[in-house]
N, C-alpha and C. Protein backbone atom coordinates (compact mmCIF):
# COMPACT_ATOMS: atom_id res chain seq x y z
N MET A 1 8.80 5.00 15.15
CA MET A 1 9.02 5.83 13.98
C MET A 1 9.38 7.18 14.46
N LYS A 2 10.28 7.89 14.01
CA LYS A 2 10.71 9.10 14.55
C LYS A 2 10.74 10.25 13.60
N TYR A 3 10.74 9.90 12.30
CA TYR A 3 10.83 11.04 11.10
C TYR A 3 9.87 10.52 10.03
N TYR A 4 9.53 11.41 9.23
CA TYR A 4 8.68 11.13 8.04
C TYR A 4 8.84 12.22 7.06
N ARG A 5 8.33 11.76 5.72
CA ARG A 5 8.35 12.78 4.69
C ARG A 5 7.00 12.61 4.03
N GLU A 6 6.35 13.82 3.76
CA GLU A 6 4.97 13.83 3.32
C GLU A 6 4.92 14.00 1.81
N ILE A 7 4.01 13.35 1.14
CA ILE A 7 3.99 13.46 -0.38
C ILE A 7 2.33 13.70 -0.59
N THR A 8 2.19 15.00 -1.23
CA THR A 8 0.78 15.13 -1.55
C THR A 8 0.62 15.04 -2.95
N ILE A 9 -0.40 14.37 -3.24
CA ILE A 9 -0.77 14.02 -4.89
C ILE A 9 -1.61 15.03 -5.37
N LEU A 10 -1.22 15.67 -6.43
CA LEU A 10 -1.98 16.98 -6.99
C LEU A 10 -2.77 16.63 -8.29
N PRO A 11 -4.01 16.13 -8.17
CA PRO A 11 -4.63 15.75 -9.54
C PRO A 11 -5.05 16.96 -10.26
N THR A 12 -5.22 16.98 -11.44
CA THR A 12 -5.90 17.91 -12.43
C THR A 12 -7.04 17.69 -13.02
N ALA A 13 -7.58 18.45 -13.87
CA ALA A 13 -8.92 18.25 -14.46
C ALA A 13 -8.70 17.12 -15.36
N ASP A 14 -7.63 16.79 -15.90
CA ASP A 14 -7.35 15.66 -16.79
C ASP A 14 -6.92 14.36 -16.25
N ILE A 15 -6.34 14.43 -15.06
CA ILE A 15 -5.63 13.25 -14.42
C ILE A 15 -6.14 13.09 -13.16
N THR A 16 -6.81 11.93 -12.98
CA THR A 16 -7.65 11.86 -11.61
C THR A 16 -6.66 11.31 -10.46
N LEU A 17 -7.07 11.69 -9.21
CA LEU A 17 -6.49 11.26 -8.03
C LEU A 17 -6.13 9.68 -8.07
N HIS A 18 -7.19 9.05 -8.44
CA HIS A 18 -6.96 7.51 -8.41
C HIS A 18 -5.96 7.08 -9.39
N PHE A 19 -5.94 7.55 -10.50
CA PHE A 19 -4.91 7.31 -11.54
C PHE A 19 -3.56 7.63 -10.94
N LEU A 20 -3.44 8.84 -10.36
CA LEU A 20 -2.09 9.26 -9.85
C LEU A 20 -1.63 8.35 -8.80
N TRP A 21 -2.51 7.84 -7.87
CA TRP A 21 -2.34 7.09 -6.78
C TRP A 21 -1.46 5.74 -7.28
N GLY A 22 -2.05 5.28 -8.36
CA GLY A 22 -1.32 4.00 -8.89
C GLY A 22 0.00 4.31 -9.44
N LYS A 23 0.32 5.43 -10.12
CA LYS A 23 1.56 5.87 -10.65
C LYS A 23 2.46 6.19 -9.57
N VAL A 24 2.06 7.00 -8.45
CA VAL A 24 3.09 7.35 -7.39
C VAL A 24 3.29 5.95 -6.61
N PHE A 25 2.45 5.17 -6.38
CA PHE A 25 2.59 4.03 -5.54
C PHE A 25 3.38 3.14 -6.08
N GLN A 26 3.37 2.86 -7.25
CA GLN A 26 4.16 2.09 -8.04
C GLN A 26 5.70 2.38 -7.89
N GLN A 27 6.04 3.74 -7.89
CA GLN A 27 7.37 4.25 -7.74
C GLN A 27 7.86 4.12 -6.30
N ILE A 28 6.99 4.12 -5.43
CA ILE A 28 7.19 3.95 -4.02
C ILE A 28 7.68 2.47 -3.80
N HIS A 29 6.75 1.55 -4.11
CA HIS A 29 6.89 0.16 -3.96
C HIS A 29 8.34 -0.32 -4.66
N LEU A 30 8.66 0.17 -5.81
CA LEU A 30 9.75 -0.19 -6.32
C LEU A 30 11.19 0.22 -5.67
N GLY A 31 11.04 1.50 -5.13
CA GLY A 31 12.04 1.96 -4.30
C GLY A 31 12.17 1.25 -3.03
N PHE A 32 11.05 0.73 -2.31
CA PHE A 32 10.95 -0.02 -1.18
C PHE A 32 11.63 -1.37 -1.41
N ALA A 33 11.10 -2.09 -2.54
CA ALA A 33 11.68 -3.32 -2.97
C ALA A 33 13.23 -3.31 -2.93
N GLU A 34 13.97 -2.11 -3.45
CA GLU A 34 15.26 -2.13 -3.63
C GLU A 34 15.89 -2.05 -2.21
N MET A 35 15.24 -1.59 -1.09
CA MET A 35 15.72 -1.27 0.13
C MET A 35 15.52 -2.50 1.16
N GLN A 36 14.90 -3.68 0.66
CA GLN A 36 14.55 -4.72 1.70
C GLN A 36 15.91 -5.43 1.93
N ASP A 37 15.72 -5.94 3.28
CA ASP A 37 17.05 -6.64 3.75
C ASP A 37 16.94 -8.16 3.44
N SER A 38 17.86 -8.99 3.87
CA SER A 38 17.86 -10.34 3.58
C SER A 38 16.74 -11.20 3.96
N THR A 39 15.86 -10.49 5.06
CA THR A 39 14.65 -11.34 5.39
C THR A 39 13.35 -10.78 4.72
N GLY A 40 13.71 -9.75 3.64
CA GLY A 40 12.43 -9.34 2.94
C GLY A 40 11.87 -8.02 3.66
N LYS A 41 12.31 -7.54 4.64
CA LYS A 41 11.81 -6.45 5.29
C LYS A 41 12.42 -5.10 4.92
N VAL A 42 11.39 -4.12 5.11
CA VAL A 42 11.92 -2.73 4.63
C VAL A 42 11.89 -1.83 5.82
N PRO A 43 12.80 -0.97 5.93
CA PRO A 43 12.82 -0.11 7.17
C PRO A 43 11.99 1.26 6.93
N LEU A 44 11.12 1.30 5.98
CA LEU A 44 10.29 2.31 5.78
C LEU A 44 8.78 1.75 5.73
N GLY A 45 8.02 2.64 6.27
CA GLY A 45 6.41 2.20 6.37
C GLY A 45 5.78 3.38 5.96
N ILE A 46 4.57 3.33 5.40
CA ILE A 46 3.67 4.29 4.91
C ILE A 46 2.59 4.70 5.84
N GLY A 47 1.99 5.81 5.74
CA GLY A 47 0.91 6.29 6.62
C GLY A 47 -0.10 7.04 5.69
N LEU A 48 -1.32 7.05 5.96
CA LEU A 48 -2.11 7.66 4.98
C LEU A 48 -3.14 8.63 5.85
N PRO A 49 -2.57 9.90 6.25
CA PRO A 49 -3.31 10.74 7.19
C PRO A 49 -4.64 11.32 6.74
N GLU A 50 -4.99 11.06 5.50
CA GLU A 50 -6.19 11.47 5.01
C GLU A 50 -7.32 10.23 4.85
N TYR A 51 -6.99 8.98 5.40
CA TYR A 51 -7.58 7.77 4.97
C TYR A 51 -9.04 8.02 5.28
N PHE A 52 -10.04 7.83 4.26
CA PHE A 52 -11.51 7.95 4.39
C PHE A 52 -11.66 9.42 4.67
N SER A 53 -11.09 10.43 3.95
CA SER A 53 -11.40 11.87 4.26
C SER A 53 -12.30 12.44 3.15
N GLU A 54 -12.62 13.53 3.15
CA GLU A 54 -13.28 14.37 2.18
C GLU A 54 -12.61 14.23 0.66
N TYR A 55 -11.34 13.88 0.82
CA TYR A 55 -10.60 13.81 -0.53
C TYR A 55 -10.80 12.40 -1.20
N GLY A 56 -11.40 11.48 -0.49
CA GLY A 56 -11.60 10.11 -1.12
C GLY A 56 -11.04 9.05 -0.14
N PRO A 57 -11.36 7.70 -0.42
CA PRO A 57 -10.81 6.80 0.50
C PRO A 57 -9.49 6.73 1.07
N LEU A 58 -8.44 7.05 0.09
CA LEU A 58 -7.07 7.24 0.67
C LEU A 58 -6.63 8.66 0.85
N GLY A 59 -7.43 9.48 0.39
CA GLY A 59 -6.98 11.03 0.73
C GLY A 59 -6.13 11.41 -0.28
N ARG A 60 -5.22 12.23 -0.24
CA ARG A 60 -4.18 13.00 -1.09
C ARG A 60 -2.80 12.82 -0.58
N LYS A 61 -2.63 12.55 0.59
CA LYS A 61 -1.30 12.39 1.16
C LYS A 61 -0.93 10.96 1.64
N LEU A 62 0.39 11.01 1.44
CA LEU A 62 1.15 9.79 1.77
C LEU A 62 2.34 10.20 2.57
N ARG A 63 2.44 9.46 3.72
CA ARG A 63 3.69 9.78 4.55
C ARG A 63 4.72 8.52 4.58
N ILE A 64 5.84 8.80 4.40
CA ILE A 64 6.94 7.89 4.48
C ILE A 64 7.63 7.97 5.87
N PHE A 65 7.59 6.90 6.68
CA PHE A 65 8.19 6.95 8.10
C PHE A 65 9.34 6.17 8.07
N SER A 66 10.20 6.35 9.05
CA SER A 66 11.46 5.71 9.29
C SER A 66 11.98 6.00 10.68
N LEU A 67 12.76 5.19 11.12
CA LEU A 67 13.35 5.45 12.56
C LEU A 67 14.55 6.46 12.37
N SER A 68 15.11 6.61 11.24
CA SER A 68 16.26 7.56 11.05
C SER A 68 16.10 8.48 9.89
N LYS A 69 16.59 9.71 9.79
CA LYS A 69 16.50 10.46 8.70
C LYS A 69 17.38 9.92 7.47
N GLU A 70 18.47 9.42 7.86
CA GLU A 70 19.43 8.71 6.83
C GLU A 70 18.77 7.83 5.93
N ILE A 71 17.74 7.02 6.53
CA ILE A 71 17.07 5.88 5.67
C ILE A 71 16.26 6.59 4.57
N ILE A 72 15.50 7.61 5.13
CA ILE A 72 14.41 8.57 4.22
C ILE A 72 15.35 9.10 3.20
N LYS A 73 16.42 9.72 3.54
CA LYS A 73 17.33 10.44 2.51
C LYS A 73 17.86 9.35 1.40
N GLU A 74 18.16 8.18 1.94
CA GLU A 74 18.65 7.04 1.06
C GLU A 74 17.45 6.63 0.11
N PHE A 75 16.31 6.63 0.48
CA PHE A 75 15.26 6.44 -0.37
C PHE A 75 15.09 7.40 -1.51
N ASP A 76 15.35 8.60 -1.33
CA ASP A 76 15.67 9.68 -2.55
C ASP A 76 14.18 9.78 -3.12
N ALA A 77 12.99 10.04 -2.43
CA ALA A 77 11.79 10.29 -3.13
C ALA A 77 11.76 11.27 -4.12
N ASP A 78 12.57 12.38 -4.21
CA ASP A 78 12.71 13.25 -5.25
C ASP A 78 13.06 12.66 -6.50
N THR A 79 14.07 11.94 -6.50
CA THR A 79 14.51 11.22 -7.74
C THR A 79 13.48 10.25 -8.28
N ARG A 80 12.96 9.31 -7.28
CA ARG A 80 11.90 8.34 -7.54
C ARG A 80 10.64 9.04 -8.27
N LEU A 81 10.25 10.10 -7.84
CA LEU A 81 9.13 10.58 -8.34
C LEU A 81 9.33 11.82 -9.21
N LYS A 82 10.30 11.98 -9.82
CA LYS A 82 10.84 13.03 -10.63
C LYS A 82 9.88 13.16 -11.85
N ARG A 83 9.51 12.07 -12.58
CA ARG A 83 8.88 12.05 -13.72
C ARG A 83 7.34 12.63 -13.31
N LEU A 84 6.85 12.47 -12.13
CA LEU A 84 5.64 12.75 -11.79
C LEU A 84 5.64 14.18 -10.93
N SER A 85 6.76 15.05 -11.11
CA SER A 85 6.89 16.05 -10.25
C SER A 85 5.91 17.23 -10.44
N ASP A 86 5.12 17.18 -11.61
CA ASP A 86 3.85 18.04 -11.77
C ASP A 86 2.72 17.93 -11.00
N TYR A 87 2.69 16.41 -10.38
CA TYR A 87 1.42 16.14 -9.72
C TYR A 87 1.61 15.61 -8.51
N VAL A 88 2.90 15.90 -7.88
CA VAL A 88 3.25 15.65 -6.40
C VAL A 88 3.83 16.86 -5.81
N HIS A 89 3.79 17.13 -4.56
CA HIS A 89 4.56 17.99 -3.63
C HIS A 89 5.16 17.19 -2.42
N LEU A 90 6.54 17.31 -2.35
CA LEU A 90 7.15 16.55 -1.26
C LEU A 90 7.48 17.57 -0.30
N THR A 91 7.35 17.23 0.99
CA THR A 91 8.04 18.12 2.10
C THR A 91 9.56 17.72 2.27
N GLU A 92 10.13 18.54 3.20
CA GLU A 92 11.34 18.07 3.72
C GLU A 92 11.11 16.95 4.74
N ILE A 93 12.23 16.36 5.19
CA ILE A 93 12.12 15.45 6.38
C ILE A 93 11.77 16.14 7.64
N ARG A 94 10.79 15.59 8.35
CA ARG A 94 10.10 16.13 9.46
C ARG A 94 10.32 15.29 10.67
N ASP A 95 10.41 15.82 11.74
CA ASP A 95 10.17 15.05 13.09
C ASP A 95 8.70 14.53 13.44
N VAL A 96 8.52 13.56 13.76
CA VAL A 96 7.19 13.17 14.31
C VAL A 96 6.85 13.88 15.52
N PRO A 97 5.75 14.54 15.52
CA PRO A 97 5.38 15.49 16.88
C PRO A 97 5.51 14.57 18.09
N GLU A 98 6.32 15.07 19.08
CA GLU A 98 6.53 14.37 20.28
C GLU A 98 5.15 13.98 21.08
N LYS A 99 4.40 14.90 20.92
CA LYS A 99 3.08 14.94 21.66
C LYS A 99 2.22 13.71 21.07
N ASN A 100 2.60 13.19 20.02
CA ASN A 100 1.85 12.01 19.09
C ASN A 100 1.60 10.82 20.07
N LYS A 101 0.55 10.41 20.33
CA LYS A 101 0.45 9.11 21.28
C LYS A 101 -0.62 8.22 20.43
N LEU A 102 -0.85 8.35 19.21
CA LEU A 102 -1.67 7.61 18.57
C LEU A 102 -0.88 6.60 17.50
N PHE A 103 -1.38 5.44 17.45
CA PHE A 103 -0.50 4.53 16.51
C PHE A 103 -1.50 3.86 15.66
N CYS A 104 -1.06 3.34 14.39
CA CYS A 104 -1.93 2.45 13.75
C CYS A 104 -1.07 1.51 12.78
N CYS A 105 -1.69 0.47 12.30
CA CYS A 105 -1.06 -0.19 11.17
C CYS A 105 -1.78 0.01 9.82
N PHE A 106 -1.18 0.11 8.75
CA PHE A 106 -1.65 0.01 7.49
C PHE A 106 -1.23 -1.45 7.00
N LYS A 107 -2.20 -2.26 6.65
CA LYS A 107 -1.96 -3.55 6.34
C LYS A 107 -2.67 -4.00 5.11
N ARG A 108 -2.09 -4.91 4.34
CA ARG A 108 -2.65 -5.41 3.15
C ARG A 108 -3.82 -6.36 3.28
N GLN A 109 -4.85 -5.95 2.76
CA GLN A 109 -6.07 -6.99 2.99
C GLN A 109 -6.27 -7.70 1.51
N GLN A 110 -6.40 -9.00 1.63
CA GLN A 110 -6.66 -9.85 0.39
C GLN A 110 -8.09 -10.36 0.22
N PRO A 111 -9.06 -9.73 0.27
CA PRO A 111 -10.33 -10.26 0.14
C PRO A 111 -10.62 -11.52 -0.82
N LYS A 112 -11.41 -12.30 -0.57
CA LYS A 112 -11.96 -13.26 -1.37
C LYS A 112 -13.18 -12.74 -2.18
N THR A 113 -12.86 -12.08 -3.24
CA THR A 113 -13.92 -11.51 -4.11
C THR A 113 -14.03 -11.96 -5.49
N ASN A 114 -13.06 -12.75 -6.14
CA ASN A 114 -13.39 -13.08 -7.55
C ASN A 114 -13.29 -14.65 -7.71
N ILE A 115 -14.39 -15.11 -8.05
CA ILE A 115 -14.54 -16.58 -8.17
C ILE A 115 -13.75 -17.14 -9.33
N GLU A 116 -13.45 -16.32 -10.47
CA GLU A 116 -12.64 -16.83 -11.52
C GLU A 116 -11.13 -16.87 -11.15
N ARG A 117 -10.76 -16.01 -10.31
CA ARG A 117 -9.36 -16.12 -9.80
C ARG A 117 -9.14 -17.33 -9.04
N PHE A 118 -10.03 -17.48 -8.14
CA PHE A 118 -9.93 -18.66 -7.34
C PHE A 118 -9.95 -20.00 -8.11
N ALA A 119 -10.98 -19.95 -9.16
CA ALA A 119 -11.07 -21.09 -9.95
C ALA A 119 -9.77 -21.43 -10.70
N ARG A 120 -9.18 -20.34 -11.20
CA ARG A 120 -7.77 -20.55 -11.86
C ARG A 120 -6.80 -21.13 -10.91
N ARG A 121 -6.71 -20.65 -9.72
CA ARG A 121 -5.76 -21.35 -8.70
C ARG A 121 -6.08 -22.65 -8.31
N ARG A 122 -7.43 -23.01 -8.19
CA ARG A 122 -7.67 -24.28 -7.88
C ARG A 122 -7.44 -25.31 -8.90
N ALA A 123 -7.70 -24.74 -10.26
CA ALA A 123 -7.43 -25.68 -11.34
C ALA A 123 -5.94 -25.98 -11.35
N LYS A 124 -5.24 -25.02 -11.19
CA LYS A 124 -3.67 -25.11 -11.28
C LYS A 124 -3.23 -26.29 -10.27
N LYS A 125 -3.64 -25.85 -9.03
CA LYS A 125 -3.26 -26.72 -7.88
C LYS A 125 -3.79 -28.17 -7.96
N LYS A 126 -5.02 -28.51 -8.46
CA LYS A 126 -5.41 -29.81 -8.39
C LYS A 126 -5.18 -30.41 -9.90
N GLY A 127 -4.69 -29.60 -11.03
CA GLY A 127 -4.38 -30.24 -12.13
C GLY A 127 -5.84 -30.51 -12.90
N ILE A 128 -6.82 -29.54 -12.86
CA ILE A 128 -8.02 -29.89 -13.30
C ILE A 128 -8.25 -28.57 -14.22
N ASN A 129 -9.36 -28.53 -15.16
CA ASN A 129 -9.70 -27.65 -15.98
C ASN A 129 -10.47 -26.49 -15.21
N ILE A 130 -10.55 -25.33 -15.58
CA ILE A 130 -11.15 -24.07 -14.99
C ILE A 130 -12.79 -24.37 -14.69
N GLU A 131 -13.17 -24.87 -15.87
CA GLU A 131 -14.78 -25.12 -15.89
C GLU A 131 -15.04 -26.16 -14.45
N ASP A 132 -14.31 -27.21 -14.18
CA ASP A 132 -14.49 -28.04 -13.01
C ASP A 132 -14.11 -27.37 -11.65
N ALA A 133 -13.13 -26.53 -11.88
CA ALA A 133 -12.69 -25.75 -10.56
C ALA A 133 -13.72 -24.68 -10.33
N LEU A 134 -14.52 -24.12 -11.33
CA LEU A 134 -15.62 -23.26 -10.90
C LEU A 134 -16.75 -23.95 -10.50
N LEU A 135 -17.11 -25.15 -10.97
CA LEU A 135 -18.15 -25.74 -10.56
C LEU A 135 -18.02 -26.27 -9.04
N GLU A 136 -16.89 -26.69 -8.81
CA GLU A 136 -16.50 -26.98 -7.21
C GLU A 136 -16.68 -25.95 -6.34
N LEU A 137 -16.24 -24.75 -6.66
CA LEU A 137 -16.46 -23.42 -5.92
C LEU A 137 -17.91 -23.11 -5.67
N LYS A 138 -18.64 -23.17 -6.93
CA LYS A 138 -20.13 -22.84 -6.87
C LYS A 138 -20.85 -24.06 -5.94
N GLN A 139 -20.37 -25.21 -5.91
CA GLN A 139 -21.14 -26.11 -5.21
C GLN A 139 -20.83 -25.91 -3.71
N LYS A 140 -19.72 -25.33 -3.37
CA LYS A 140 -19.25 -24.92 -2.18
C LYS A 140 -19.96 -23.42 -1.60
N ASP A 141 -21.03 -23.04 -2.50
CA ASP A 141 -21.50 -21.76 -1.99
C ASP A 141 -20.58 -20.55 -1.88
N PHE A 142 -19.52 -20.45 -2.93
CA PHE A 142 -18.64 -19.38 -2.83
C PHE A 142 -19.27 -18.13 -3.00
N LYS A 143 -19.19 -17.16 -2.14
CA LYS A 143 -19.86 -15.83 -2.08
C LYS A 143 -18.75 -14.74 -2.54
N ASP A 144 -19.19 -13.95 -3.49
CA ASP A 144 -18.36 -12.69 -3.83
C ASP A 144 -18.65 -11.71 -2.54
N ASN A 145 -17.52 -11.17 -1.75
CA ASN A 145 -17.68 -10.36 -0.94
C ASN A 145 -17.51 -9.05 -1.46
N ILE A 146 -18.29 -8.12 -1.00
CA ILE A 146 -18.45 -6.71 -1.31
C ILE A 146 -17.48 -5.99 -0.34
N VAL A 147 -16.38 -5.38 -0.91
CA VAL A 147 -15.25 -5.06 -0.01
C VAL A 147 -15.29 -3.52 -0.14
N GLU A 148 -15.16 -2.90 1.05
CA GLU A 148 -15.24 -1.37 0.93
C GLU A 148 -13.86 -0.79 1.51
N THR A 149 -12.82 -1.56 1.45
CA THR A 149 -11.40 -1.17 1.77
C THR A 149 -10.80 -0.44 0.59
N PRO A 150 -10.32 0.61 0.84
CA PRO A 150 -9.62 1.54 -0.11
C PRO A 150 -8.56 0.75 -0.80
N TYR A 151 -8.40 0.86 -2.08
CA TYR A 151 -7.37 0.10 -2.88
C TYR A 151 -6.64 1.26 -3.91
N ILE A 152 -5.53 0.48 -4.27
CA ILE A 152 -4.65 1.22 -5.36
C ILE A 152 -4.50 0.13 -6.45
N ASN A 153 -4.90 0.82 -7.67
CA ASN A 153 -4.68 -0.16 -8.81
C ASN A 153 -3.21 -0.32 -9.16
N MET A 154 -2.72 -1.37 -9.04
CA MET A 154 -1.25 -1.66 -9.34
C MET A 154 -1.03 -2.73 -10.55
N GLN A 155 0.18 -2.73 -11.07
CA GLN A 155 0.53 -3.59 -12.05
C GLN A 155 1.78 -4.41 -11.67
N SER A 156 1.62 -5.63 -11.68
CA SER A 156 2.94 -6.65 -11.39
C SER A 156 3.79 -6.36 -12.52
N LEU A 157 5.00 -6.14 -12.21
CA LEU A 157 6.07 -5.90 -13.32
C LEU A 157 6.56 -7.40 -13.64
N SER A 158 6.35 -8.30 -12.87
CA SER A 158 6.75 -9.75 -13.18
C SER A 158 5.75 -10.36 -13.96
N SER A 159 4.48 -10.24 -13.95
CA SER A 159 3.51 -10.86 -14.59
C SER A 159 2.78 -10.00 -15.47
N ASN A 160 2.99 -8.77 -15.33
CA ASN A 160 2.36 -7.72 -16.19
C ASN A 160 0.82 -7.67 -15.97
N LYS A 161 0.40 -8.34 -14.81
CA LYS A 161 -1.14 -8.33 -14.69
C LYS A 161 -1.35 -7.28 -13.66
N ARG A 162 -2.58 -6.67 -13.78
CA ARG A 162 -3.28 -5.72 -12.89
C ARG A 162 -3.76 -6.35 -11.76
N PHE A 163 -3.83 -5.74 -10.73
CA PHE A 163 -4.39 -6.05 -9.42
C PHE A 163 -4.70 -4.85 -8.51
N ARG A 164 -5.76 -5.10 -7.41
CA ARG A 164 -5.92 -4.09 -6.70
C ARG A 164 -5.20 -4.49 -5.25
N LEU A 165 -4.36 -3.36 -4.83
CA LEU A 165 -3.92 -3.53 -3.59
C LEU A 165 -4.61 -2.82 -2.35
N PHE A 166 -5.53 -3.66 -1.74
CA PHE A 166 -6.42 -3.12 -0.79
C PHE A 166 -5.50 -2.93 0.58
N ILE A 167 -5.97 -1.73 1.13
CA ILE A 167 -5.07 -1.17 2.16
C ILE A 167 -6.01 -0.86 3.54
N LEU A 168 -5.88 -1.53 4.51
CA LEU A 168 -6.70 -1.50 5.72
C LEU A 168 -6.07 -0.75 6.82
N LYS A 169 -6.74 0.18 7.43
CA LYS A 169 -6.06 0.82 8.55
C LYS A 169 -6.64 0.23 9.87
N GLU A 170 -5.74 0.00 10.84
CA GLU A 170 -6.11 -0.66 12.19
C GLU A 170 -5.47 0.19 13.30
N ILE A 171 -6.31 0.77 14.13
CA ILE A 171 -5.80 1.56 15.22
C ILE A 171 -5.13 0.45 16.23
N CYS A 172 -3.97 1.08 16.75
CA CYS A 172 -3.19 0.09 17.71
C CYS A 172 -3.10 0.83 19.04
N ASP A 173 -2.78 0.13 20.27
CA ASP A 173 -2.74 0.80 21.42
C ASP A 173 -1.44 1.29 21.68
N SER A 174 -0.17 0.71 21.07
CA SER A 174 1.15 1.03 21.43
C SER A 174 1.92 0.79 20.13
N PRO A 175 3.20 1.60 20.22
CA PRO A 175 3.97 1.33 19.03
C PRO A 175 4.71 0.08 18.81
N ALA A 176 4.78 -0.44 17.71
CA ALA A 176 5.52 -1.81 17.42
C ALA A 176 6.39 -1.60 16.22
N TYR A 177 7.54 -2.42 16.11
CA TYR A 177 8.35 -2.36 14.96
C TYR A 177 8.99 -3.75 14.57
N ASP A 178 8.73 -4.16 13.31
CA ASP A 178 9.14 -5.44 12.93
C ASP A 178 9.52 -5.34 11.39
N GLY A 179 9.65 -4.11 10.86
CA GLY A 179 9.82 -3.85 9.50
C GLY A 179 8.72 -3.94 8.70
N PHE A 180 8.72 -3.67 7.52
CA PHE A 180 7.61 -3.47 6.56
C PHE A 180 7.70 -4.30 5.42
N SER A 181 6.58 -4.40 4.58
CA SER A 181 6.71 -5.25 3.23
C SER A 181 7.25 -4.08 2.30
N THR A 182 7.47 -4.51 1.07
CA THR A 182 7.97 -3.59 -0.03
C THR A 182 6.68 -2.77 -0.47
N TYR A 183 5.45 -2.71 0.10
CA TYR A 183 4.43 -1.87 -0.06
C TYR A 183 4.46 -0.87 1.34
N GLY A 184 5.32 -0.98 2.09
CA GLY A 184 5.33 -0.30 3.36
C GLY A 184 4.42 -0.52 4.35
N LEU A 185 3.69 -1.74 4.07
CA LEU A 185 2.56 -2.11 5.07
C LEU A 185 2.98 -3.28 6.00
N SER A 186 2.29 -3.44 7.11
CA SER A 186 2.65 -4.32 7.94
C SER A 186 1.34 -4.78 8.77
N HIS A 187 1.46 -6.07 9.33
CA HIS A 187 0.36 -6.45 10.28
C HIS A 187 0.91 -6.37 11.71
N ILE A 188 2.04 -6.05 11.89
CA ILE A 188 2.66 -5.90 13.15
C ILE A 188 3.07 -4.35 13.54
N SER A 189 3.96 -4.01 12.49
CA SER A 189 4.47 -2.70 12.81
C SER A 189 3.70 -1.49 12.64
N THR A 190 3.86 -0.40 13.50
CA THR A 190 3.02 0.58 13.46
C THR A 190 3.70 1.76 12.94
N VAL A 191 2.89 2.91 12.56
CA VAL A 191 3.14 4.31 12.35
C VAL A 191 2.49 5.21 13.07
N PRO A 192 2.93 6.53 13.35
CA PRO A 192 2.29 7.41 14.03
C PRO A 192 0.97 7.81 13.27
N ASP A 193 0.00 8.09 14.11
CA ASP A 193 -1.41 8.45 13.51
C ASP A 193 -1.58 9.95 13.82
N PHE A 194 -1.36 10.91 13.03
CA PHE A 194 -1.68 12.40 13.13
C PHE A 194 -1.98 13.09 12.19
């Protein structure tokens, strides 16, 4: 990734950083979804330079990375975030520092944390009622995991359900590129870490 644009989220006394993350990231996700290719991959990835910083688990900054300036221009973050303009600051497109030798993956983590959700899935899959599915899971000693991974509260536009998008940062030895998901995340593709 050679270029990036940085978005700084600006909370107020009335509107929290966590709330704004959900609103900003929903717009980013929708824009990425519009840019996916026939294989479902997006040429833009995200970086979180303040991940687990003094500003909170995700920090206040979001970087959008690409191999070309044209792709970042095509994404048009100014227009996508226009209704949030009082709560965000966007930089111009910048070159990734040449001296940068650090890379990381930001990937989606889907922890097994909610027994009711798994019971609903199991009931649907097996054609049984939820109570029986819950009983099966409890007999298998299903454990709720405590997850400390940062997350963004999102809302599915297709099902209208709310969910947590857990984002895990992993340091990588070398750069790699295989496209990104519509959340700008990848288990393979890296972004510069600076």
